[in-house]
Amino acid sequence: MSVLPLVFTSGWASGINAYAVVLLLGLLGATGVSDEVPAALERPDVLIVAGLLFVVEAVADKIPYVDSVWDTVHTVIRPVAGGVVAALLAGHNGSLPELAAGAVGGSTALLSHLVKAGTRIAVNASPEPASNIVLSLAEDLGVAGLIAFALFHPVAAAVIAGTLLAAGIAVVIFLWSRIRRFLQRRRERRAQKRSAVAAGTAPPVT
């Protein structure tokens, strides 16, 4: 069970930014900073792809509304990535079955992803873009710092990740009414657009 704290932390971080997790773990392993990183994450092709996708996410994640679309696309990608990273960590350590580790990492990633997506919907209800940028930078720095910390202090990092996850869930619950209003307005705008398109394409009445 010694790898479980690291699996949990990597799952939480993957739900926020899976590409950053893969890139950072791979770099820390490839440079010899940590021996806990699976060799699969240190491969040059994995690092290149993760690096490119991290740059794309770093830009998309700071643009209002684009970040919510990006989160929607990654509803499956982030939990899967969290499960794969967790299984690799467990397989490398050998103290926890890979299937169980994948379940822990994937489910934790899904929870943190839902918290991130819900928070972004609430933030997008405000007209200014600064909050998106600040929140995105805080998430990137938090993921990087906690993953690096987890490789050397896994239990403490898992406690921090668990606290952040619980706090995030509480914030989303608190902001749920704002999120619901935002979703309702978006549904109304889409309905209006469909109505306008239908009205514009309908044959004239003779």
N, C-alpha and C. Protein backbone atom coordinates (compact mmCIF):
# COMPACT_ATOMS: atom_id res chain seq x y z
N MET A 1 0.81 -1.20 0.00
CA MET A 1 0.00 0.00 0.00
C MET A 1 0.85 1.27 0.00
N SER A 2 2.18 1.15 -0.02
CA SER A 2 3.04 2.33 0.09
C SER A 2 2.91 3.27 -1.09
N VAL A 3 2.45 2.76 -2.23
CA VAL A 3 2.33 3.60 -3.42
C VAL A 3 0.99 4.31 -3.48
N LEU A 4 0.04 3.95 -2.61
CA LEU A 4 -1.30 4.52 -2.67
C LEU A 4 -1.32 6.04 -2.52
N PRO A 5 -0.57 6.65 -1.59
CA PRO A 5 -0.59 8.12 -1.50
C PRO A 5 -0.14 8.80 -2.80
N LEU A 6 0.89 8.26 -3.44
CA LEU A 6 1.36 8.83 -4.70
C LEU A 6 0.33 8.64 -5.80
N VAL A 7 -0.33 7.48 -5.81
CA VAL A 7 -1.39 7.22 -6.79
C VAL A 7 -2.53 8.20 -6.61
N PHE A 8 -2.93 8.44 -5.37
CA PHE A 8 -4.04 9.36 -5.09
C PHE A 8 -3.68 10.78 -5.54
N THR A 9 -2.48 11.22 -5.21
CA THR A 9 -2.06 12.58 -5.57
C THR A 9 -1.96 12.74 -7.08
N SER A 10 -1.40 11.74 -7.75
CA SER A 10 -1.29 11.83 -9.20
C SER A 10 -2.67 11.82 -9.85
N GLY A 11 -3.62 11.09 -9.25
CA GLY A 11 -4.98 11.09 -9.76
C GLY A 11 -5.63 12.45 -9.63
N TRP A 12 -5.47 13.06 -8.46
CA TRP A 12 -6.02 14.42 -8.26
C TRP A 12 -5.42 15.39 -9.27
N ALA A 13 -4.10 15.34 -9.43
CA ALA A 13 -3.43 16.26 -10.35
C ALA A 13 -3.84 16.00 -11.80
N SER A 14 -4.04 14.74 -12.17
CA SER A 14 -4.44 14.41 -13.53
C SER A 14 -5.81 14.97 -13.87
N GLY A 15 -6.68 15.03 -12.88
CA GLY A 15 -8.00 15.62 -13.10
C GLY A 15 -7.93 17.11 -13.36
N ILE A 16 -6.86 17.75 -12.93
CA ILE A 16 -6.67 19.19 -13.17
C ILE A 16 -5.93 19.41 -14.47
N ASN A 17 -4.82 18.72 -14.66
CA ASN A 17 -4.01 18.87 -15.88
C ASN A 17 -3.21 17.58 -16.09
N ALA A 18 -3.77 16.66 -16.84
CA ALA A 18 -3.14 15.35 -17.04
C ALA A 18 -1.82 15.47 -17.79
N TYR A 19 -1.76 16.39 -18.76
CA TYR A 19 -0.54 16.52 -19.55
C TYR A 19 0.62 17.03 -18.69
N ALA A 20 0.32 17.93 -17.76
CA ALA A 20 1.36 18.44 -16.87
C ALA A 20 1.90 17.32 -15.98
N VAL A 21 1.01 16.43 -15.54
CA VAL A 21 1.44 15.31 -14.68
C VAL A 21 2.38 14.40 -15.44
N VAL A 22 2.00 14.00 -16.64
CA VAL A 22 2.83 13.10 -17.45
C VAL A 22 4.16 13.77 -17.77
N LEU A 23 4.12 15.04 -18.17
CA LEU A 23 5.34 15.75 -18.54
C LEU A 23 6.27 15.91 -17.34
N LEU A 24 5.73 16.33 -16.21
CA LEU A 24 6.58 16.57 -15.04
C LEU A 24 7.16 15.27 -14.49
N LEU A 25 6.34 14.23 -14.38
CA LEU A 25 6.86 12.95 -13.90
C LEU A 25 7.94 12.42 -14.85
N GLY A 26 7.68 12.52 -16.14
CA GLY A 26 8.65 12.04 -17.12
C GLY A 26 9.97 12.78 -17.03
N LEU A 27 9.91 14.10 -16.89
CA LEU A 27 11.14 14.89 -16.79
C LEU A 27 11.90 14.60 -15.51
N LEU A 28 11.18 14.47 -14.41
CA LEU A 28 11.84 14.16 -13.13
C LEU A 28 12.49 12.78 -13.16
N GLY A 29 11.85 11.84 -13.86
CA GLY A 29 12.45 10.52 -13.98
C GLY A 29 13.61 10.50 -14.95
N ALA A 30 13.45 11.16 -16.10
CA ALA A 30 14.50 11.14 -17.12
C ALA A 30 15.77 11.85 -16.67
N THR A 31 15.62 12.87 -15.84
CA THR A 31 16.79 13.62 -15.36
C THR A 31 17.41 13.00 -14.11
N GLY A 32 16.82 11.92 -13.62
CA GLY A 32 17.39 11.24 -12.46
C GLY A 32 17.04 11.84 -11.13
N VAL A 33 16.11 12.78 -11.11
CA VAL A 33 15.72 13.41 -9.85
C VAL A 33 14.99 12.41 -8.96
N SER A 34 14.21 11.50 -9.58
CA SER A 34 13.47 10.51 -8.81
C SER A 34 13.57 9.15 -9.49
N ASP A 35 13.65 8.11 -8.67
CA ASP A 35 13.66 6.73 -9.18
C ASP A 35 12.28 6.10 -9.13
N GLU A 36 11.27 6.86 -8.71
CA GLU A 36 9.92 6.33 -8.57
C GLU A 36 9.11 6.40 -9.86
N VAL A 37 9.67 7.03 -10.90
CA VAL A 37 8.91 7.25 -12.13
C VAL A 37 9.05 6.05 -13.05
N PRO A 38 7.94 5.51 -13.58
CA PRO A 38 8.01 4.38 -14.53
C PRO A 38 8.76 4.78 -15.80
N ALA A 39 9.46 3.84 -16.37
CA ALA A 39 10.24 4.12 -17.57
C ALA A 39 9.36 4.55 -18.75
N ALA A 40 8.12 4.06 -18.77
CA ALA A 40 7.21 4.41 -19.88
C ALA A 40 6.96 5.90 -19.96
N LEU A 41 6.99 6.60 -18.83
CA LEU A 41 6.75 8.04 -18.82
C LEU A 41 8.00 8.83 -19.18
N GLU A 42 9.16 8.19 -19.21
CA GLU A 42 10.41 8.88 -19.51
C GLU A 42 10.77 8.83 -21.00
N ARG A 43 9.98 8.12 -21.79
CA ARG A 43 10.28 7.98 -23.21
C ARG A 43 10.23 9.34 -23.90
N PRO A 44 11.16 9.62 -24.82
CA PRO A 44 11.18 10.91 -25.51
C PRO A 44 9.89 11.23 -26.25
N ASP A 45 9.30 10.22 -26.91
CA ASP A 45 8.06 10.49 -27.65
C ASP A 45 6.92 10.87 -26.71
N VAL A 46 6.87 10.22 -25.54
CA VAL A 46 5.84 10.56 -24.55
C VAL A 46 6.03 11.98 -24.04
N LEU A 47 7.29 12.35 -23.78
CA LEU A 47 7.58 13.69 -23.28
C LEU A 47 7.26 14.75 -24.32
N ILE A 48 7.56 14.49 -25.58
CA ILE A 48 7.28 15.46 -26.65
C ILE A 48 5.78 15.69 -26.80
N VAL A 49 5.03 14.59 -26.87
CA VAL A 49 3.57 14.71 -27.04
C VAL A 49 2.96 15.40 -25.82
N ALA A 50 3.38 14.98 -24.63
CA ALA A 50 2.85 15.60 -23.41
C ALA A 50 3.19 17.08 -23.35
N GLY A 51 4.41 17.43 -23.78
CA GLY A 51 4.81 18.83 -23.78
C GLY A 51 3.98 19.67 -24.73
N LEU A 52 3.74 19.16 -25.93
CA LEU A 52 2.94 19.90 -26.92
C LEU A 52 1.50 20.08 -26.43
N LEU A 53 0.92 19.01 -25.90
CA LEU A 53 -0.46 19.10 -25.41
C LEU A 53 -0.55 19.99 -24.18
N PHE A 54 0.49 20.00 -23.37
CA PHE A 54 0.51 20.89 -22.21
C PHE A 54 0.48 22.35 -22.64
N VAL A 55 1.24 22.68 -23.69
CA VAL A 55 1.24 24.06 -24.19
C VAL A 55 -0.14 24.44 -24.72
N VAL A 56 -0.76 23.52 -25.47
CA VAL A 56 -2.11 23.79 -25.99
C VAL A 56 -3.09 24.02 -24.84
N GLU A 57 -3.02 23.15 -23.83
CA GLU A 57 -3.92 23.30 -22.69
C GLU A 57 -3.64 24.58 -21.92
N ALA A 58 -2.37 24.94 -21.80
CA ALA A 58 -2.01 26.16 -21.07
C ALA A 58 -2.65 27.39 -21.69
N VAL A 59 -2.81 27.38 -23.01
CA VAL A 59 -3.45 28.50 -23.71
C VAL A 59 -4.97 28.39 -23.61
N ALA A 60 -5.52 27.23 -23.97
CA ALA A 60 -6.97 27.05 -23.99
C ALA A 60 -7.58 27.23 -22.61
N ASP A 61 -6.84 26.85 -21.58
CA ASP A 61 -7.37 26.87 -20.22
C ASP A 61 -7.52 28.27 -19.66
N LYS A 62 -6.96 29.27 -20.35
CA LYS A 62 -6.99 30.64 -19.85
C LYS A 62 -7.94 31.54 -20.63
N ILE A 63 -8.68 30.95 -21.57
CA ILE A 63 -9.61 31.73 -22.39
C ILE A 63 -11.03 31.40 -21.94
N PRO A 64 -11.81 32.42 -21.52
CA PRO A 64 -13.18 32.16 -21.07
C PRO A 64 -14.00 31.40 -22.11
N TYR A 65 -14.80 30.47 -21.65
CA TYR A 65 -15.68 29.62 -22.45
C TYR A 65 -14.89 28.55 -23.23
N VAL A 66 -13.74 28.93 -23.79
CA VAL A 66 -12.90 27.91 -24.43
C VAL A 66 -12.45 26.89 -23.39
N ASP A 67 -12.16 27.36 -22.17
CA ASP A 67 -11.73 26.44 -21.11
C ASP A 67 -12.83 25.43 -20.76
N SER A 68 -14.09 25.87 -20.78
CA SER A 68 -15.19 24.94 -20.49
C SER A 68 -15.36 23.91 -21.60
N VAL A 69 -15.18 24.35 -22.85
CA VAL A 69 -15.24 23.40 -23.97
C VAL A 69 -14.10 22.39 -23.84
N TRP A 70 -12.93 22.88 -23.51
CA TRP A 70 -11.76 22.01 -23.33
C TRP A 70 -12.02 21.00 -22.20
N ASP A 71 -12.62 21.46 -21.11
CA ASP A 71 -12.94 20.56 -20.00
C ASP A 71 -13.93 19.49 -20.43
N THR A 72 -14.92 19.87 -21.24
CA THR A 72 -15.90 18.91 -21.71
C THR A 72 -15.23 17.81 -22.53
N VAL A 73 -14.33 18.21 -23.41
CA VAL A 73 -13.61 17.24 -24.23
C VAL A 73 -12.79 16.29 -23.37
N HIS A 74 -12.26 16.81 -22.25
CA HIS A 74 -11.36 16.01 -21.41
C HIS A 74 -12.07 15.29 -20.27
N THR A 75 -13.38 15.24 -20.31
CA THR A 75 -14.11 14.51 -19.27
C THR A 75 -13.74 13.03 -19.24
N VAL A 76 -13.40 12.49 -20.39
CA VAL A 76 -12.95 11.10 -20.47
C VAL A 76 -11.43 11.01 -20.41
N ILE A 77 -10.75 11.94 -21.06
CA ILE A 77 -9.29 11.87 -21.19
C ILE A 77 -8.60 11.95 -19.84
N ARG A 78 -8.99 12.89 -19.00
CA ARG A 78 -8.30 13.07 -17.72
C ARG A 78 -8.45 11.88 -16.78
N PRO A 79 -9.66 11.33 -16.58
CA PRO A 79 -9.76 10.13 -15.73
C PRO A 79 -8.99 8.94 -16.28
N VAL A 80 -9.03 8.76 -17.62
CA VAL A 80 -8.27 7.66 -18.22
C VAL A 80 -6.78 7.86 -17.99
N ALA A 81 -6.31 9.09 -18.20
CA ALA A 81 -4.89 9.39 -17.97
C ALA A 81 -4.52 9.16 -16.52
N GLY A 82 -5.39 9.58 -15.60
CA GLY A 82 -5.12 9.36 -14.18
C GLY A 82 -5.04 7.89 -13.84
N GLY A 83 -5.91 7.08 -14.45
CA GLY A 83 -5.87 5.65 -14.21
C GLY A 83 -4.62 4.99 -14.77
N VAL A 84 -4.22 5.42 -15.97
CA VAL A 84 -3.03 4.84 -16.60
C VAL A 84 -1.77 5.19 -15.81
N VAL A 85 -1.65 6.46 -15.42
CA VAL A 85 -0.48 6.88 -14.64
C VAL A 85 -0.44 6.12 -13.31
N ALA A 86 -1.59 5.99 -12.67
CA ALA A 86 -1.64 5.26 -11.40
C ALA A 86 -1.25 3.80 -11.57
N ALA A 87 -1.73 3.16 -12.63
CA ALA A 87 -1.38 1.75 -12.88
C ALA A 87 0.11 1.61 -13.15
N LEU A 88 0.69 2.56 -13.88
CA LEU A 88 2.13 2.51 -14.14
C LEU A 88 2.93 2.68 -12.86
N LEU A 89 2.48 3.60 -12.01
CA LEU A 89 3.17 3.80 -10.74
C LEU A 89 3.10 2.55 -9.87
N ALA A 90 1.95 1.92 -9.85
CA ALA A 90 1.78 0.71 -9.04
C ALA A 90 2.58 -0.45 -9.62
N GLY A 91 2.58 -0.57 -10.96
CA GLY A 91 3.34 -1.64 -11.59
C GLY A 91 4.83 -1.47 -11.38
N HIS A 92 5.26 -0.21 -11.35
CA HIS A 92 6.68 0.06 -11.12
C HIS A 92 7.07 -0.27 -9.69
N ASN A 93 6.19 0.04 -8.75
CA ASN A 93 6.49 -0.20 -7.34
C ASN A 93 6.22 -1.64 -6.96
N GLY A 94 5.15 -2.21 -7.48
CA GLY A 94 4.84 -3.61 -7.23
C GLY A 94 4.13 -3.88 -5.92
N SER A 95 3.76 -2.84 -5.15
CA SER A 95 3.14 -3.07 -3.85
C SER A 95 1.63 -2.96 -3.89
N LEU A 96 1.06 -2.64 -5.02
CA LEU A 96 -0.38 -2.52 -5.15
C LEU A 96 -0.79 -3.03 -6.51
N PRO A 97 -1.85 -3.84 -6.62
CA PRO A 97 -2.28 -4.34 -7.92
C PRO A 97 -2.58 -3.18 -8.87
N GLU A 98 -2.18 -3.34 -10.12
CA GLU A 98 -2.35 -2.27 -11.09
C GLU A 98 -3.82 -1.92 -11.30
N LEU A 99 -4.67 -2.91 -11.27
CA LEU A 99 -6.09 -2.64 -11.49
C LEU A 99 -6.67 -1.76 -10.39
N ALA A 100 -6.33 -2.08 -9.15
CA ALA A 100 -6.82 -1.27 -8.03
C ALA A 100 -6.26 0.14 -8.09
N ALA A 101 -4.98 0.25 -8.44
CA ALA A 101 -4.35 1.56 -8.54
C ALA A 101 -5.00 2.39 -9.63
N GLY A 102 -5.29 1.75 -10.76
CA GLY A 102 -5.94 2.46 -11.85
C GLY A 102 -7.32 2.96 -11.45
N ALA A 103 -8.03 2.15 -10.67
CA ALA A 103 -9.36 2.56 -10.20
C ALA A 103 -9.26 3.76 -9.28
N VAL A 104 -8.29 3.74 -8.36
CA VAL A 104 -8.11 4.86 -7.44
C VAL A 104 -7.71 6.12 -8.19
N GLY A 105 -6.72 5.99 -9.06
CA GLY A 105 -6.25 7.15 -9.82
C GLY A 105 -7.32 7.71 -10.75
N GLY A 106 -8.03 6.82 -11.43
CA GLY A 106 -9.05 7.27 -12.37
C GLY A 106 -10.23 7.93 -11.69
N SER A 107 -10.69 7.34 -10.59
CA SER A 107 -11.85 7.92 -9.88
C SER A 107 -11.48 9.25 -9.23
N THR A 108 -10.27 9.33 -8.68
CA THR A 108 -9.82 10.60 -8.10
C THR A 108 -9.69 11.67 -9.17
N ALA A 109 -9.15 11.28 -10.33
CA ALA A 109 -9.03 12.22 -11.45
C ALA A 109 -10.40 12.70 -11.91
N LEU A 110 -11.38 11.81 -11.95
CA LEU A 110 -12.73 12.20 -12.37
C LEU A 110 -13.32 13.21 -11.40
N LEU A 111 -13.15 12.97 -10.11
CA LEU A 111 -13.69 13.90 -9.11
C LEU A 111 -13.04 15.27 -9.23
N SER A 112 -11.72 15.30 -9.31
CA SER A 112 -11.04 16.61 -9.40
C SER A 112 -11.35 17.30 -10.72
N HIS A 113 -11.54 16.52 -11.80
CA HIS A 113 -11.92 17.11 -13.08
C HIS A 113 -13.30 17.76 -12.98
N LEU A 114 -14.25 17.09 -12.34
CA LEU A 114 -15.59 17.65 -12.20
C LEU A 114 -15.56 18.92 -11.35
N VAL A 115 -14.72 18.93 -10.33
CA VAL A 115 -14.57 20.13 -9.52
C VAL A 115 -13.99 21.28 -10.36
N LYS A 116 -12.96 20.97 -11.13
CA LYS A 116 -12.35 21.99 -12.00
C LYS A 116 -13.36 22.52 -13.01
N ALA A 117 -14.09 21.61 -13.67
CA ALA A 117 -15.05 22.02 -14.69
C ALA A 117 -16.17 22.85 -14.08
N GLY A 118 -16.66 22.44 -12.91
CA GLY A 118 -17.72 23.19 -12.25
C GLY A 118 -17.27 24.57 -11.82
N THR A 119 -16.05 24.65 -11.32
CA THR A 119 -15.51 25.95 -10.90
C THR A 119 -15.35 26.88 -12.09
N ARG A 120 -14.90 26.35 -13.23
CA ARG A 120 -14.72 27.17 -14.42
C ARG A 120 -16.05 27.69 -14.96
N ILE A 121 -17.09 26.88 -14.87
CA ILE A 121 -18.41 27.34 -15.31
C ILE A 121 -18.85 28.53 -14.46
N ALA A 122 -18.61 28.44 -13.15
CA ALA A 122 -18.97 29.55 -12.27
C ALA A 122 -18.14 30.79 -12.57
N VAL A 123 -16.85 30.60 -12.83
CA VAL A 123 -15.97 31.74 -13.13
C VAL A 123 -16.37 32.37 -14.45
N ASN A 124 -16.77 31.57 -15.43
CA ASN A 124 -17.15 32.12 -16.74
C ASN A 124 -18.42 32.93 -16.69
N ALA A 125 -19.15 32.86 -15.58
CA ALA A 125 -20.34 33.69 -15.43
C ALA A 125 -19.97 35.16 -15.23
N SER A 126 -18.71 35.43 -14.87
CA SER A 126 -18.26 36.81 -14.74
C SER A 126 -17.73 37.30 -16.08
N PRO A 127 -17.89 38.59 -16.40
CA PRO A 127 -17.54 39.08 -17.73
C PRO A 127 -16.05 39.26 -17.97
N GLU A 128 -15.26 39.38 -16.91
CA GLU A 128 -13.83 39.68 -17.12
C GLU A 128 -13.02 38.38 -17.24
N PRO A 129 -11.91 38.41 -18.02
CA PRO A 129 -11.12 37.20 -18.25
C PRO A 129 -10.01 36.98 -17.22
N ALA A 130 -9.75 37.99 -16.37
CA ALA A 130 -8.60 37.89 -15.46
C ALA A 130 -8.72 36.71 -14.51
N SER A 131 -9.95 36.44 -14.04
CA SER A 131 -10.12 35.35 -13.08
C SER A 131 -9.77 34.01 -13.69
N ASN A 132 -10.05 33.82 -14.99
CA ASN A 132 -9.69 32.57 -15.66
C ASN A 132 -8.18 32.38 -15.68
N ILE A 133 -7.46 33.45 -16.00
CA ILE A 133 -6.01 33.38 -16.09
C ILE A 133 -5.40 33.09 -14.72
N VAL A 134 -5.87 33.80 -13.70
CA VAL A 134 -5.33 33.61 -12.34
C VAL A 134 -5.60 32.19 -11.85
N LEU A 135 -6.83 31.72 -12.07
CA LEU A 135 -7.20 30.37 -11.61
C LEU A 135 -6.40 29.31 -12.36
N SER A 136 -6.22 29.49 -13.66
CA SER A 136 -5.46 28.53 -14.45
C SER A 136 -4.00 28.47 -14.00
N LEU A 137 -3.39 29.63 -13.78
CA LEU A 137 -2.00 29.66 -13.31
C LEU A 137 -1.87 29.00 -11.93
N ALA A 138 -2.84 29.25 -11.06
CA ALA A 138 -2.81 28.64 -9.74
C ALA A 138 -2.91 27.12 -9.84
N GLU A 139 -3.75 26.64 -10.75
CA GLU A 139 -3.89 25.19 -10.96
C GLU A 139 -2.60 24.60 -11.50
N ASP A 140 -1.99 25.25 -12.48
CA ASP A 140 -0.74 24.74 -13.06
C ASP A 140 0.37 24.66 -12.01
N LEU A 141 0.51 25.74 -11.24
CA LEU A 141 1.56 25.77 -10.21
C LEU A 141 1.26 24.76 -9.10
N GLY A 142 -0.02 24.62 -8.75
CA GLY A 142 -0.39 23.66 -7.72
C GLY A 142 -0.10 22.23 -8.14
N VAL A 143 -0.42 21.90 -9.38
CA VAL A 143 -0.16 20.55 -9.90
C VAL A 143 1.35 20.28 -9.91
N ALA A 144 2.12 21.21 -10.44
CA ALA A 144 3.58 21.03 -10.53
C ALA A 144 4.20 20.87 -9.15
N GLY A 145 3.82 21.76 -8.24
CA GLY A 145 4.39 21.71 -6.90
C GLY A 145 4.02 20.46 -6.14
N LEU A 146 2.76 20.04 -6.25
CA LEU A 146 2.31 18.89 -5.46
C LEU A 146 2.85 17.57 -6.02
N ILE A 147 2.96 17.47 -7.34
CA ILE A 147 3.53 16.25 -7.92
C ILE A 147 5.00 16.11 -7.53
N ALA A 148 5.76 17.19 -7.63
CA ALA A 148 7.17 17.14 -7.23
C ALA A 148 7.30 16.80 -5.74
N PHE A 149 6.44 17.39 -4.94
CA PHE A 149 6.46 17.14 -3.50
C PHE A 149 6.08 15.69 -3.19
N ALA A 150 5.12 15.15 -3.97
CA ALA A 150 4.62 13.79 -3.72
C ALA A 150 5.68 12.72 -3.94
N LEU A 151 6.62 12.96 -4.84
CA LEU A 151 7.66 11.97 -5.10
C LEU A 151 8.57 11.77 -3.90
N PHE A 152 8.67 12.77 -3.04
CA PHE A 152 9.56 12.69 -1.89
C PHE A 152 8.80 12.61 -0.57
N HIS A 153 7.58 13.14 -0.55
CA HIS A 153 6.75 13.11 0.66
C HIS A 153 5.32 12.71 0.26
N PRO A 154 5.12 11.46 -0.14
CA PRO A 154 3.83 11.04 -0.71
C PRO A 154 2.66 11.16 0.24
N VAL A 155 2.85 10.82 1.51
CA VAL A 155 1.73 10.87 2.46
C VAL A 155 1.28 12.30 2.69
N ALA A 156 2.23 13.19 2.92
CA ALA A 156 1.89 14.60 3.14
C ALA A 156 1.22 15.19 1.90
N ALA A 157 1.73 14.83 0.73
CA ALA A 157 1.14 15.33 -0.51
C ALA A 157 -0.28 14.82 -0.69
N ALA A 158 -0.52 13.55 -0.33
CA ALA A 158 -1.86 12.98 -0.45
C ALA A 158 -2.84 13.68 0.49
N VAL A 159 -2.37 14.04 1.67
CA VAL A 159 -3.23 14.78 2.61
C VAL A 159 -3.60 16.15 2.02
N ILE A 160 -2.62 16.81 1.42
CA ILE A 160 -2.88 18.11 0.80
C ILE A 160 -3.85 17.96 -0.37
N ALA A 161 -3.62 16.94 -1.20
CA ALA A 161 -4.50 16.70 -2.35
C ALA A 161 -5.92 16.40 -1.89
N GLY A 162 -6.05 15.59 -0.85
CA GLY A 162 -7.38 15.28 -0.32
C GLY A 162 -8.07 16.51 0.23
N THR A 163 -7.32 17.37 0.90
CA THR A 163 -7.89 18.61 1.43
C THR A 163 -8.35 19.53 0.30
N LEU A 164 -7.52 19.64 -0.74
CA LEU A 164 -7.89 20.48 -1.88
C LEU A 164 -9.11 19.93 -2.60
N LEU A 165 -9.19 18.61 -2.71
CA LEU A 165 -10.34 17.99 -3.37
C LEU A 165 -11.62 18.25 -2.57
N ALA A 166 -11.55 18.07 -1.26
CA ALA A 166 -12.72 18.32 -0.42
C ALA A 166 -13.14 19.78 -0.46
N ALA A 167 -12.14 20.68 -0.43
CA ALA A 167 -12.45 22.11 -0.49
C ALA A 167 -13.07 22.46 -1.84
N GLY A 168 -12.56 21.85 -2.92
CA GLY A 168 -13.10 22.11 -4.24
C GLY A 168 -14.54 21.66 -4.36
N ILE A 169 -14.85 20.49 -3.81
CA ILE A 169 -16.22 19.99 -3.84
C ILE A 169 -17.14 20.94 -3.07
N ALA A 170 -16.66 21.43 -1.92
CA ALA A 170 -17.46 22.37 -1.13
C ALA A 170 -17.71 23.67 -1.90
N VAL A 171 -16.70 24.14 -2.61
CA VAL A 171 -16.86 25.38 -3.39
C VAL A 171 -17.88 25.19 -4.50
N VAL A 172 -17.80 24.05 -5.21
CA VAL A 172 -18.75 23.79 -6.30
C VAL A 172 -20.18 23.70 -5.76
N ILE A 173 -20.35 23.06 -4.61
CA ILE A 173 -21.69 22.99 -4.00
C ILE A 173 -22.18 24.39 -3.65
N PHE A 174 -21.29 25.20 -3.10
CA PHE A 174 -21.64 26.58 -2.72
C PHE A 174 -22.03 27.41 -3.94
N LEU A 175 -21.33 27.18 -5.06
CA LEU A 175 -21.57 27.96 -6.28
C LEU A 175 -22.57 27.31 -7.22
N TRP A 176 -23.24 26.24 -6.77
CA TRP A 176 -24.08 25.48 -7.68
C TRP A 176 -25.20 26.33 -8.29
N SER A 177 -25.79 27.21 -7.50
CA SER A 177 -26.87 28.05 -8.04
C SER A 177 -26.36 28.94 -9.17
N ARG A 178 -25.16 29.46 -9.02
CA ARG A 178 -24.56 30.27 -10.08
C ARG A 178 -24.26 29.44 -11.32
N ILE A 179 -23.77 28.23 -11.10
CA ILE A 179 -23.50 27.33 -12.22
C ILE A 179 -24.79 26.97 -12.95
N ARG A 180 -25.84 26.71 -12.19
CA ARG A 180 -27.12 26.33 -12.79
C ARG A 180 -27.69 27.47 -13.63
N ARG A 181 -27.56 28.71 -13.13
CA ARG A 181 -28.04 29.86 -13.90
C ARG A 181 -27.26 30.02 -15.19
N PHE A 182 -25.95 29.80 -15.12
CA PHE A 182 -25.11 29.90 -16.32
C PHE A 182 -25.53 28.86 -17.35
N LEU A 183 -25.73 27.63 -16.91
CA LEU A 183 -26.13 26.57 -17.84
C LEU A 183 -27.50 26.86 -18.43
N GLN A 184 -28.41 27.41 -17.60
CA GLN A 184 -29.74 27.74 -18.10
C GLN A 184 -29.67 28.82 -19.18
N ARG A 185 -28.83 29.85 -18.95
CA ARG A 185 -28.69 30.91 -19.95
C ARG A 185 -28.08 30.37 -21.24
N ARG A 186 -27.14 29.44 -21.11
CA ARG A 186 -26.52 28.87 -22.30
C ARG A 186 -27.53 28.05 -23.09
N ARG A 187 -28.37 27.30 -22.39
CA ARG A 187 -29.42 26.54 -23.09
C ARG A 187 -30.39 27.47 -23.79
N GLU A 188 -30.72 28.58 -23.14
CA GLU A 188 -31.64 29.54 -23.75
C GLU A 188 -31.03 30.17 -25.00
N ARG A 189 -29.74 30.51 -24.93
CA ARG A 189 -29.08 31.11 -26.11
C ARG A 189 -29.05 30.12 -27.27
N ARG A 190 -28.78 28.86 -26.96
CA ARG A 190 -28.76 27.85 -28.01
C ARG A 190 -30.15 27.68 -28.62
N ALA A 191 -31.18 27.70 -27.78
CA ALA A 191 -32.54 27.58 -28.29
C ALA A 191 -32.90 28.77 -29.17
N GLN A 192 -32.46 29.97 -28.78
CA GLN A 192 -32.73 31.15 -29.58
C GLN A 192 -32.02 31.08 -30.94
N LYS A 193 -30.78 30.58 -30.93
CA LYS A 193 -30.04 30.44 -32.19
C LYS A 193 -30.72 29.44 -33.11
N ARG A 194 -31.17 28.33 -32.53
CA ARG A 194 -31.86 27.33 -33.35
C ARG A 194 -33.15 27.89 -33.92
N SER A 195 -33.85 28.68 -33.11
CA SER A 195 -35.09 29.29 -33.58
C SER A 195 -34.82 30.28 -34.71
N ALA A 196 -33.72 31.07 -34.54
CA ALA A 196 -33.37 32.05 -35.56
C ALA A 196 -32.99 31.37 -36.87
N VAL A 197 -32.23 30.27 -36.75
CA VAL A 197 -31.84 29.52 -37.95
C VAL A 197 -33.06 28.93 -38.64
N ALA A 198 -33.96 28.38 -37.84
CA ALA A 198 -35.16 27.78 -38.40
C ALA A 198 -36.03 28.84 -39.08
N ALA A 199 -36.10 30.00 -38.45
CA ALA A 199 -36.90 31.08 -39.04
C ALA A 199 -36.28 31.59 -40.32
N GLY A 200 -34.96 31.60 -40.38
CA GLY A 200 -34.28 32.10 -41.58
C GLY A 200 -34.32 31.13 -42.74
N THR A 201 -34.44 29.86 -42.43
CA THR A 201 -34.44 28.86 -43.51
C THR A 201 -35.83 28.40 -43.91
N ALA A 202 -36.83 28.82 -43.13
CA ALA A 202 -38.20 28.39 -43.45
C ALA A 202 -38.68 29.06 -44.73
N PRO A 203 -39.44 28.38 -45.57
CA PRO A 203 -39.93 28.98 -46.82
C PRO A 203 -40.91 30.09 -46.53
N PRO A 204 -40.90 31.16 -47.32
CA PRO A 204 -41.80 32.29 -47.09
C PRO A 204 -43.25 31.87 -47.24
N VAL A 205 -44.13 32.50 -46.46
CA VAL A 205 -45.56 32.19 -46.50
C VAL A 205 -46.19 32.98 -47.65
N THR A 206 -46.90 32.32 -48.55
CA THR A 206 -47.54 32.97 -49.70
C THR A 206 -49.05 33.07 -49.49
